[in-house]
N, C-alpha and C. Protein backbone atom coordinates (compact mmCIF):
# COMPACT_ATOMS: atom_id res chain seq x y z
N MET A 1 9.25 33.23 -1.26
CA MET A 1 9.66 31.91 -1.69
C MET A 1 8.92 31.56 -2.97
N ALA A 2 9.65 31.17 -4.00
CA ALA A 2 9.04 30.86 -5.30
C ALA A 2 8.39 29.48 -5.25
N PRO A 3 7.25 29.32 -5.92
CA PRO A 3 6.61 28.00 -5.92
C PRO A 3 7.45 27.00 -6.71
N ARG A 4 7.48 25.78 -6.20
CA ARG A 4 8.25 24.74 -6.88
C ARG A 4 7.47 24.23 -8.09
N GLU A 5 8.21 23.85 -9.12
CA GLU A 5 7.56 23.31 -10.30
C GLU A 5 7.07 21.90 -10.00
N GLN A 6 5.93 21.57 -10.58
CA GLN A 6 5.42 20.21 -10.43
C GLN A 6 6.22 19.30 -11.37
N VAL A 7 6.86 18.30 -10.81
CA VAL A 7 7.62 17.37 -11.64
C VAL A 7 6.71 16.23 -12.05
N ALA A 8 6.77 15.89 -13.33
CA ALA A 8 5.96 14.78 -13.82
C ALA A 8 6.56 13.48 -13.27
N SER A 9 5.71 12.63 -12.75
CA SER A 9 6.22 11.38 -12.19
C SER A 9 5.43 10.22 -12.79
N ASP A 10 6.03 9.06 -12.72
CA ASP A 10 5.37 7.88 -13.24
C ASP A 10 4.63 7.14 -12.13
N PHE A 11 4.46 7.76 -10.99
CA PHE A 11 3.75 7.13 -9.89
C PHE A 11 2.25 7.40 -10.00
N GLU A 12 1.49 6.36 -9.75
CA GLU A 12 0.04 6.46 -9.76
C GLU A 12 -0.43 6.61 -8.32
N GLU A 13 -1.37 7.53 -8.08
CA GLU A 13 -1.87 7.77 -6.73
C GLU A 13 -3.31 7.27 -6.62
N LYS A 14 -3.60 6.56 -5.53
CA LYS A 14 -4.97 6.10 -5.28
C LYS A 14 -5.36 6.49 -3.87
N VAL A 15 -6.47 7.18 -3.74
CA VAL A 15 -6.99 7.54 -2.43
C VAL A 15 -7.79 6.34 -1.93
N VAL A 16 -7.35 5.74 -0.83
CA VAL A 16 -8.01 4.56 -0.28
C VAL A 16 -9.20 4.96 0.58
N SER A 17 -9.00 5.94 1.46
CA SER A 17 -10.12 6.39 2.29
C SER A 17 -9.91 7.82 2.75
N ILE A 18 -11.03 8.49 2.95
CA ILE A 18 -11.04 9.84 3.53
C ILE A 18 -12.04 9.80 4.67
N ASN A 19 -11.62 10.31 5.82
CA ASN A 19 -12.45 10.24 7.02
C ASN A 19 -12.50 11.61 7.69
N ARG A 20 -13.67 11.98 8.17
CA ARG A 20 -13.79 13.25 8.89
C ARG A 20 -13.59 12.98 10.38
N CYS A 21 -12.70 13.72 11.01
CA CYS A 21 -12.44 13.58 12.44
C CYS A 21 -12.95 14.83 13.15
N ALA A 22 -13.31 14.70 14.39
CA ALA A 22 -13.78 15.85 15.15
C ALA A 22 -13.06 15.90 16.49
N THR A 23 -12.59 17.08 16.84
CA THR A 23 -12.01 17.33 18.15
C THR A 23 -13.01 18.19 18.91
N VAL A 24 -13.48 17.70 20.04
CA VAL A 24 -14.47 18.45 20.81
C VAL A 24 -13.73 19.34 21.82
N THR A 25 -13.96 20.63 21.71
CA THR A 25 -13.37 21.60 22.63
C THR A 25 -14.50 22.33 23.34
N LYS A 26 -14.14 23.22 24.27
CA LYS A 26 -15.18 23.94 24.98
C LYS A 26 -15.95 24.89 24.06
N GLY A 27 -15.34 25.24 22.93
CA GLY A 27 -16.02 26.12 21.97
C GLY A 27 -16.84 25.36 20.94
N GLY A 28 -16.86 24.05 20.99
CA GLY A 28 -17.61 23.25 20.02
C GLY A 28 -16.72 22.20 19.38
N ARG A 29 -17.13 21.77 18.20
CA ARG A 29 -16.38 20.72 17.51
C ARG A 29 -15.48 21.35 16.45
N ASN A 30 -14.24 20.89 16.40
CA ASN A 30 -13.32 21.29 15.34
C ASN A 30 -13.14 20.09 14.41
N PHE A 31 -13.47 20.26 13.14
CA PHE A 31 -13.40 19.16 12.19
C PHE A 31 -12.10 19.19 11.39
N CYS A 32 -11.60 18.01 11.10
CA CYS A 32 -10.46 17.88 10.19
C CYS A 32 -10.68 16.62 9.38
N PHE A 33 -9.87 16.41 8.37
CA PHE A 33 -10.01 15.25 7.50
C PHE A 33 -8.72 14.45 7.48
N SER A 34 -8.87 13.12 7.50
CA SER A 34 -7.70 12.26 7.38
C SER A 34 -7.81 11.52 6.05
N ALA A 35 -6.67 11.27 5.44
CA ALA A 35 -6.63 10.60 4.14
C ALA A 35 -5.58 9.50 4.14
N VAL A 36 -5.92 8.38 3.51
CA VAL A 36 -4.98 7.29 3.29
C VAL A 36 -4.79 7.18 1.79
N VAL A 37 -3.54 7.28 1.34
CA VAL A 37 -3.23 7.27 -0.09
C VAL A 37 -2.16 6.22 -0.36
N VAL A 38 -2.32 5.51 -1.48
CA VAL A 38 -1.33 4.53 -1.93
C VAL A 38 -0.73 5.04 -3.23
N VAL A 39 0.59 5.02 -3.34
CA VAL A 39 1.26 5.38 -4.59
C VAL A 39 2.12 4.21 -5.06
N GLY A 40 2.23 4.06 -6.38
CA GLY A 40 3.05 2.99 -6.93
C GLY A 40 3.32 3.24 -8.39
N ASP A 41 4.36 2.57 -8.90
CA ASP A 41 4.71 2.74 -10.31
C ASP A 41 4.22 1.57 -11.16
N ARG A 42 3.45 0.65 -10.57
CA ARG A 42 2.94 -0.55 -11.26
C ARG A 42 4.08 -1.41 -11.80
N ASN A 43 5.24 -1.27 -11.19
CA ASN A 43 6.39 -2.05 -11.65
C ASN A 43 7.24 -2.51 -10.46
N GLY A 44 6.61 -2.75 -9.31
CA GLY A 44 7.35 -3.27 -8.17
C GLY A 44 7.66 -2.29 -7.07
N GLN A 45 7.25 -1.03 -7.21
CA GLN A 45 7.45 -0.06 -6.14
C GLN A 45 6.09 0.40 -5.64
N VAL A 46 5.93 0.43 -4.31
CA VAL A 46 4.66 0.86 -3.72
C VAL A 46 4.93 1.48 -2.36
N GLY A 47 4.09 2.43 -1.98
CA GLY A 47 4.18 3.07 -0.68
C GLY A 47 2.82 3.60 -0.28
N PHE A 48 2.63 3.84 1.01
CA PHE A 48 1.36 4.39 1.46
C PHE A 48 1.62 5.55 2.40
N GLY A 49 0.65 6.45 2.47
CA GLY A 49 0.78 7.61 3.35
C GLY A 49 -0.53 7.89 4.06
N PHE A 50 -0.42 8.44 5.26
CA PHE A 50 -1.58 8.81 6.07
C PHE A 50 -1.35 10.22 6.57
N ALA A 51 -2.34 11.09 6.41
CA ALA A 51 -2.16 12.48 6.85
C ALA A 51 -3.50 13.09 7.22
N LYS A 52 -3.43 14.14 8.05
CA LYS A 52 -4.62 14.89 8.45
C LYS A 52 -4.43 16.35 8.10
N ALA A 53 -5.54 17.02 7.76
CA ALA A 53 -5.50 18.45 7.45
C ALA A 53 -6.92 19.01 7.58
N PRO A 54 -7.05 20.34 7.68
CA PRO A 54 -8.38 20.94 7.82
C PRO A 54 -9.26 20.76 6.57
N GLU A 55 -8.65 20.58 5.40
CA GLU A 55 -9.41 20.40 4.16
C GLU A 55 -8.97 19.11 3.47
N VAL A 56 -9.89 18.51 2.70
CA VAL A 56 -9.60 17.23 2.04
C VAL A 56 -8.41 17.32 1.07
N PRO A 57 -8.36 18.30 0.15
CA PRO A 57 -7.21 18.33 -0.78
C PRO A 57 -5.86 18.44 -0.08
N ASN A 58 -5.82 19.20 1.00
CA ASN A 58 -4.56 19.33 1.76
C ASN A 58 -4.17 18.00 2.40
N ALA A 59 -5.17 17.28 2.93
CA ALA A 59 -4.89 15.98 3.56
C ALA A 59 -4.37 14.99 2.52
N VAL A 60 -4.98 14.99 1.33
CA VAL A 60 -4.54 14.07 0.27
C VAL A 60 -3.12 14.42 -0.18
N GLU A 61 -2.84 15.71 -0.34
CA GLU A 61 -1.51 16.15 -0.76
C GLU A 61 -0.44 15.74 0.25
N LYS A 62 -0.73 15.93 1.54
CA LYS A 62 0.22 15.53 2.59
C LYS A 62 0.41 14.02 2.61
N ALA A 63 -0.68 13.28 2.40
CA ALA A 63 -0.60 11.82 2.40
C ALA A 63 0.24 11.32 1.21
N VAL A 64 0.11 11.98 0.06
CA VAL A 64 0.91 11.60 -1.11
C VAL A 64 2.40 11.82 -0.83
N LYS A 65 2.74 12.94 -0.21
CA LYS A 65 4.14 13.20 0.15
C LYS A 65 4.66 12.13 1.10
N ASP A 66 3.82 11.77 2.08
CA ASP A 66 4.19 10.73 3.05
C ASP A 66 4.39 9.39 2.34
N ALA A 67 3.51 9.09 1.38
CA ALA A 67 3.59 7.82 0.65
C ALA A 67 4.86 7.73 -0.19
N ARG A 68 5.25 8.83 -0.81
CA ARG A 68 6.47 8.82 -1.63
C ARG A 68 7.72 8.61 -0.78
N ARG A 69 7.64 8.97 0.51
CA ARG A 69 8.79 8.77 1.41
C ARG A 69 8.87 7.33 1.92
N SER A 70 7.77 6.57 1.80
CA SER A 70 7.75 5.23 2.38
C SER A 70 7.71 4.13 1.31
N LEU A 71 8.32 4.37 0.16
CA LEU A 71 8.28 3.39 -0.93
C LEU A 71 9.09 2.15 -0.57
N ILE A 72 8.56 0.99 -0.96
CA ILE A 72 9.29 -0.27 -0.81
C ILE A 72 9.32 -0.96 -2.17
N ARG A 73 10.28 -1.87 -2.35
CA ARG A 73 10.38 -2.63 -3.58
C ARG A 73 9.74 -4.00 -3.36
N VAL A 74 8.88 -4.41 -4.30
CA VAL A 74 8.18 -5.68 -4.22
C VAL A 74 8.74 -6.60 -5.30
N PRO A 75 9.26 -7.78 -4.92
CA PRO A 75 9.75 -8.71 -5.95
C PRO A 75 8.58 -9.34 -6.69
N LEU A 76 8.55 -9.17 -8.01
CA LEU A 76 7.48 -9.74 -8.82
C LEU A 76 8.03 -10.93 -9.61
N LEU A 77 7.17 -11.89 -9.86
CA LEU A 77 7.52 -13.07 -10.66
C LEU A 77 6.54 -13.10 -11.83
N GLY A 78 6.91 -12.45 -12.91
CA GLY A 78 5.97 -12.29 -14.02
C GLY A 78 4.89 -11.30 -13.63
N SER A 79 3.65 -11.76 -13.62
CA SER A 79 2.54 -10.88 -13.26
C SER A 79 2.02 -11.14 -11.85
N THR A 80 2.73 -11.97 -11.08
CA THR A 80 2.27 -12.31 -9.73
C THR A 80 3.44 -12.19 -8.74
N ILE A 81 3.25 -12.75 -7.55
CA ILE A 81 4.28 -12.70 -6.51
C ILE A 81 4.99 -14.06 -6.42
N PRO A 82 6.18 -14.12 -5.83
CA PRO A 82 6.94 -15.38 -5.81
C PRO A 82 6.33 -16.49 -4.94
N HIS A 83 5.70 -16.13 -3.84
CA HIS A 83 5.18 -17.16 -2.93
C HIS A 83 4.06 -16.57 -2.09
N GLU A 84 3.32 -17.44 -1.41
CA GLU A 84 2.24 -16.95 -0.55
C GLU A 84 2.82 -16.47 0.78
N THR A 85 2.11 -15.54 1.41
CA THR A 85 2.59 -15.00 2.68
C THR A 85 1.44 -14.34 3.43
N TRP A 86 1.68 -14.09 4.71
CA TRP A 86 0.74 -13.39 5.57
C TRP A 86 1.33 -12.04 5.96
N GLY A 87 0.47 -11.08 6.18
CA GLY A 87 0.87 -9.79 6.73
C GLY A 87 -0.06 -9.46 7.87
N ARG A 88 0.45 -8.72 8.85
CA ARG A 88 -0.38 -8.42 10.00
C ARG A 88 -0.09 -7.03 10.51
N PHE A 89 -1.15 -6.34 10.90
CA PHE A 89 -1.01 -5.08 11.61
C PHE A 89 -2.22 -4.95 12.53
N GLY A 90 -1.95 -4.82 13.82
CA GLY A 90 -3.05 -4.78 14.78
C GLY A 90 -3.83 -6.08 14.71
N SER A 91 -5.15 -6.00 14.60
CA SER A 91 -5.95 -7.21 14.49
C SER A 91 -6.37 -7.47 13.05
N SER A 92 -5.76 -6.76 12.10
CA SER A 92 -6.01 -7.01 10.68
C SER A 92 -4.94 -7.96 10.17
N LYS A 93 -5.39 -9.02 9.51
CA LYS A 93 -4.47 -9.98 8.91
C LYS A 93 -4.78 -10.07 7.42
N VAL A 94 -3.75 -10.23 6.62
CA VAL A 94 -3.90 -10.29 5.17
C VAL A 94 -3.15 -11.52 4.66
N PHE A 95 -3.79 -12.29 3.80
CA PHE A 95 -3.17 -13.46 3.17
C PHE A 95 -3.10 -13.20 1.67
N VAL A 96 -1.91 -13.30 1.09
CA VAL A 96 -1.75 -13.13 -0.35
C VAL A 96 -1.12 -14.39 -0.93
N LYS A 97 -1.63 -14.78 -2.10
CA LYS A 97 -1.22 -16.04 -2.72
C LYS A 97 -1.06 -15.83 -4.22
N PRO A 98 0.01 -16.33 -4.83
CA PRO A 98 0.18 -16.16 -6.27
C PRO A 98 -0.94 -16.87 -7.04
N ALA A 99 -1.26 -16.34 -8.22
CA ALA A 99 -2.32 -16.93 -9.03
C ALA A 99 -1.83 -17.11 -10.46
N ALA A 100 -2.54 -17.95 -11.20
CA ALA A 100 -2.19 -18.24 -12.59
C ALA A 100 -2.45 -17.01 -13.46
N PRO A 101 -1.72 -16.87 -14.56
CA PRO A 101 -1.96 -15.73 -15.46
C PRO A 101 -3.40 -15.70 -15.96
N GLY A 102 -3.99 -14.51 -15.96
CA GLY A 102 -5.37 -14.35 -16.39
C GLY A 102 -6.37 -14.34 -15.25
N THR A 103 -5.91 -14.60 -14.03
CA THR A 103 -6.81 -14.63 -12.87
C THR A 103 -7.27 -13.23 -12.50
N GLY A 104 -6.36 -12.26 -12.54
CA GLY A 104 -6.69 -10.90 -12.12
C GLY A 104 -6.41 -10.71 -10.64
N VAL A 105 -6.75 -9.53 -10.14
CA VAL A 105 -6.54 -9.21 -8.72
C VAL A 105 -7.85 -9.49 -8.00
N ILE A 106 -7.86 -10.53 -7.19
CA ILE A 106 -9.04 -10.89 -6.41
C ILE A 106 -8.75 -10.50 -4.97
N ALA A 107 -9.28 -9.34 -4.56
CA ALA A 107 -8.97 -8.79 -3.23
C ALA A 107 -10.01 -7.74 -2.87
N GLY A 108 -10.06 -7.37 -1.60
CA GLY A 108 -10.92 -6.28 -1.14
C GLY A 108 -10.39 -4.94 -1.61
N SER A 109 -11.15 -3.89 -1.39
CA SER A 109 -10.83 -2.59 -1.99
C SER A 109 -9.49 -2.01 -1.53
N ALA A 110 -9.23 -1.95 -0.22
CA ALA A 110 -7.99 -1.36 0.27
C ALA A 110 -6.79 -2.22 -0.14
N LEU A 111 -6.94 -3.51 -0.04
CA LEU A 111 -5.88 -4.45 -0.42
C LEU A 111 -5.64 -4.40 -1.93
N ARG A 112 -6.71 -4.29 -2.70
CA ARG A 112 -6.61 -4.19 -4.17
C ARG A 112 -5.80 -2.96 -4.59
N ALA A 113 -6.04 -1.84 -3.91
CA ALA A 113 -5.33 -0.60 -4.24
C ALA A 113 -3.82 -0.78 -4.08
N VAL A 114 -3.40 -1.42 -3.00
CA VAL A 114 -1.97 -1.64 -2.75
C VAL A 114 -1.38 -2.58 -3.80
N LEU A 115 -2.07 -3.68 -4.08
CA LEU A 115 -1.54 -4.68 -5.01
C LEU A 115 -1.47 -4.14 -6.44
N GLU A 116 -2.49 -3.40 -6.87
CA GLU A 116 -2.48 -2.84 -8.22
C GLU A 116 -1.40 -1.76 -8.36
N ALA A 117 -1.22 -0.95 -7.33
CA ALA A 117 -0.18 0.08 -7.38
C ALA A 117 1.21 -0.56 -7.44
N ALA A 118 1.37 -1.74 -6.83
CA ALA A 118 2.65 -2.44 -6.85
C ALA A 118 2.92 -3.09 -8.20
N GLY A 119 1.89 -3.27 -9.02
CA GLY A 119 2.08 -3.87 -10.33
C GLY A 119 1.74 -5.34 -10.39
N VAL A 120 1.09 -5.86 -9.37
CA VAL A 120 0.68 -7.27 -9.37
C VAL A 120 -0.61 -7.38 -10.19
N LYS A 121 -0.61 -8.29 -11.17
CA LYS A 121 -1.78 -8.42 -12.05
C LYS A 121 -2.60 -9.67 -11.75
N ASP A 122 -1.97 -10.69 -11.20
CA ASP A 122 -2.66 -11.95 -10.90
C ASP A 122 -2.35 -12.37 -9.48
N ILE A 123 -3.37 -12.33 -8.61
CA ILE A 123 -3.14 -12.65 -7.19
C ILE A 123 -4.47 -12.97 -6.52
N LEU A 124 -4.42 -13.82 -5.52
CA LEU A 124 -5.57 -14.10 -4.67
C LEU A 124 -5.23 -13.53 -3.30
N ALA A 125 -6.14 -12.75 -2.72
CA ALA A 125 -5.86 -12.12 -1.43
C ALA A 125 -7.11 -12.12 -0.57
N LYS A 126 -6.92 -12.21 0.73
CA LYS A 126 -8.04 -12.24 1.66
C LYS A 126 -7.68 -11.49 2.92
N CYS A 127 -8.63 -10.70 3.44
CA CYS A 127 -8.45 -9.99 4.71
C CYS A 127 -9.16 -10.78 5.81
N TYR A 128 -8.51 -10.92 6.94
CA TYR A 128 -9.10 -11.55 8.11
C TYR A 128 -9.07 -10.56 9.26
N GLY A 129 -9.99 -10.70 10.19
CA GLY A 129 -10.02 -9.80 11.34
C GLY A 129 -10.66 -8.48 10.98
N ARG A 130 -10.15 -7.40 11.55
CA ARG A 130 -10.70 -6.07 11.30
C ARG A 130 -10.37 -5.61 9.88
N THR A 131 -11.32 -4.92 9.26
CA THR A 131 -11.12 -4.47 7.89
C THR A 131 -11.03 -2.95 7.79
N ASN A 132 -10.54 -2.32 8.85
CA ASN A 132 -10.27 -0.88 8.83
C ASN A 132 -9.27 -0.61 7.71
N PRO A 133 -9.58 0.30 6.76
CA PRO A 133 -8.70 0.50 5.61
C PRO A 133 -7.25 0.84 5.97
N VAL A 134 -7.04 1.61 7.01
CA VAL A 134 -5.67 1.98 7.41
C VAL A 134 -4.90 0.74 7.82
N ASN A 135 -5.50 -0.09 8.67
CA ASN A 135 -4.82 -1.29 9.15
C ASN A 135 -4.65 -2.34 8.05
N VAL A 136 -5.62 -2.44 7.13
CA VAL A 136 -5.50 -3.39 6.03
C VAL A 136 -4.34 -2.99 5.11
N VAL A 137 -4.21 -1.70 4.83
CA VAL A 137 -3.10 -1.22 3.99
C VAL A 137 -1.77 -1.50 4.68
N LYS A 138 -1.67 -1.24 5.98
CA LYS A 138 -0.43 -1.51 6.71
C LYS A 138 -0.11 -3.00 6.74
N ALA A 139 -1.15 -3.85 6.90
CA ALA A 139 -0.94 -5.30 6.88
C ALA A 139 -0.50 -5.76 5.49
N ALA A 140 -1.06 -5.17 4.44
CA ALA A 140 -0.67 -5.52 3.07
C ALA A 140 0.79 -5.14 2.82
N MET A 141 1.19 -3.98 3.31
CA MET A 141 2.59 -3.56 3.16
C MET A 141 3.52 -4.52 3.92
N ASP A 142 3.08 -4.99 5.09
CA ASP A 142 3.86 -5.95 5.86
C ASP A 142 4.03 -7.25 5.07
N ALA A 143 2.94 -7.70 4.43
CA ALA A 143 3.01 -8.93 3.62
C ALA A 143 3.95 -8.75 2.44
N LEU A 144 3.87 -7.60 1.77
CA LEU A 144 4.73 -7.37 0.60
C LEU A 144 6.20 -7.22 0.98
N LYS A 145 6.46 -6.67 2.19
CA LYS A 145 7.85 -6.54 2.66
C LYS A 145 8.47 -7.91 2.92
N SER A 146 7.65 -8.89 3.29
CA SER A 146 8.19 -10.21 3.64
C SER A 146 8.44 -11.09 2.42
N LEU A 147 8.09 -10.62 1.22
CA LEU A 147 8.31 -11.42 0.01
C LEU A 147 9.79 -11.45 -0.35
N ARG A 148 10.26 -12.63 -0.77
CA ARG A 148 11.64 -12.78 -1.23
C ARG A 148 11.64 -13.61 -2.51
N ASN A 149 12.53 -13.29 -3.43
CA ASN A 149 12.61 -14.08 -4.65
C ASN A 149 13.69 -15.15 -4.52
N ARG A 150 13.81 -15.99 -5.54
CA ARG A 150 14.74 -17.12 -5.50
C ARG A 150 16.19 -16.70 -5.28
N ASP A 151 16.58 -15.62 -5.95
CA ASP A 151 17.98 -15.17 -5.86
C ASP A 151 18.34 -14.72 -4.45
N ASP A 152 17.41 -14.01 -3.79
CA ASP A 152 17.66 -13.56 -2.41
C ASP A 152 17.84 -14.75 -1.47
N ILE A 153 16.98 -15.75 -1.60
CA ILE A 153 17.04 -16.92 -0.72
C ILE A 153 18.33 -17.69 -0.97
N ALA A 154 18.72 -17.85 -2.24
CA ALA A 154 19.95 -18.56 -2.57
C ALA A 154 21.17 -17.84 -2.01
N ARG A 155 21.17 -16.51 -2.09
CA ARG A 155 22.30 -15.72 -1.57
C ARG A 155 22.41 -15.89 -0.06
N VAL A 156 21.28 -15.88 0.66
CA VAL A 156 21.29 -16.05 2.11
C VAL A 156 21.80 -17.43 2.50
N ARG A 157 21.39 -18.46 1.73
CA ARG A 157 21.80 -19.83 2.05
C ARG A 157 23.20 -20.16 1.54
N GLY A 158 23.73 -19.31 0.68
CA GLY A 158 25.07 -19.55 0.16
C GLY A 158 25.14 -20.62 -0.90
N VAL A 159 24.09 -20.79 -1.69
CA VAL A 159 24.08 -21.78 -2.76
C VAL A 159 23.91 -21.07 -4.10
N THR A 160 24.26 -21.79 -5.17
CA THR A 160 24.09 -21.22 -6.50
C THR A 160 22.89 -21.88 -7.18
N ILE A 161 22.22 -21.12 -8.02
CA ILE A 161 21.06 -21.64 -8.75
C ILE A 161 21.54 -22.09 -10.12
N GLU A 162 21.18 -23.33 -10.48
CA GLU A 162 21.62 -23.88 -11.77
C GLU A 162 20.58 -23.62 -12.83
């Protein structure tokens, strides 16, 4: 089987966390690595991936493939988001709120990675509850999925925007 060519992409990859896992067997401990990766085009598309492998580079590569399969579109309003919202996964809760231009991304590390990959430049964000990076990333994705812009809301309500 011939190796596939690497295609140049405009997606940016960020490794959020790498963790060593151990499986205890009768022969001792078997170690593997898990990786959480966020990919985005900084223009409204973002996805995350989680994967395990015996070596770190393999885990990151698998997580990137997983992330590219789970891309979502985020409605942006200039350099921020249209409205404030909450996201939740497990006992991790995330609150995101639009900010004025020039504010920057004010968020924790895992949450910051998701927001920057999505292309949000001005936002206020806060994590509540558990701050496990995997759960925070999933909660952030939940919050971004729940965002809607003016046109979507008008179409659902059946009204026209003047």
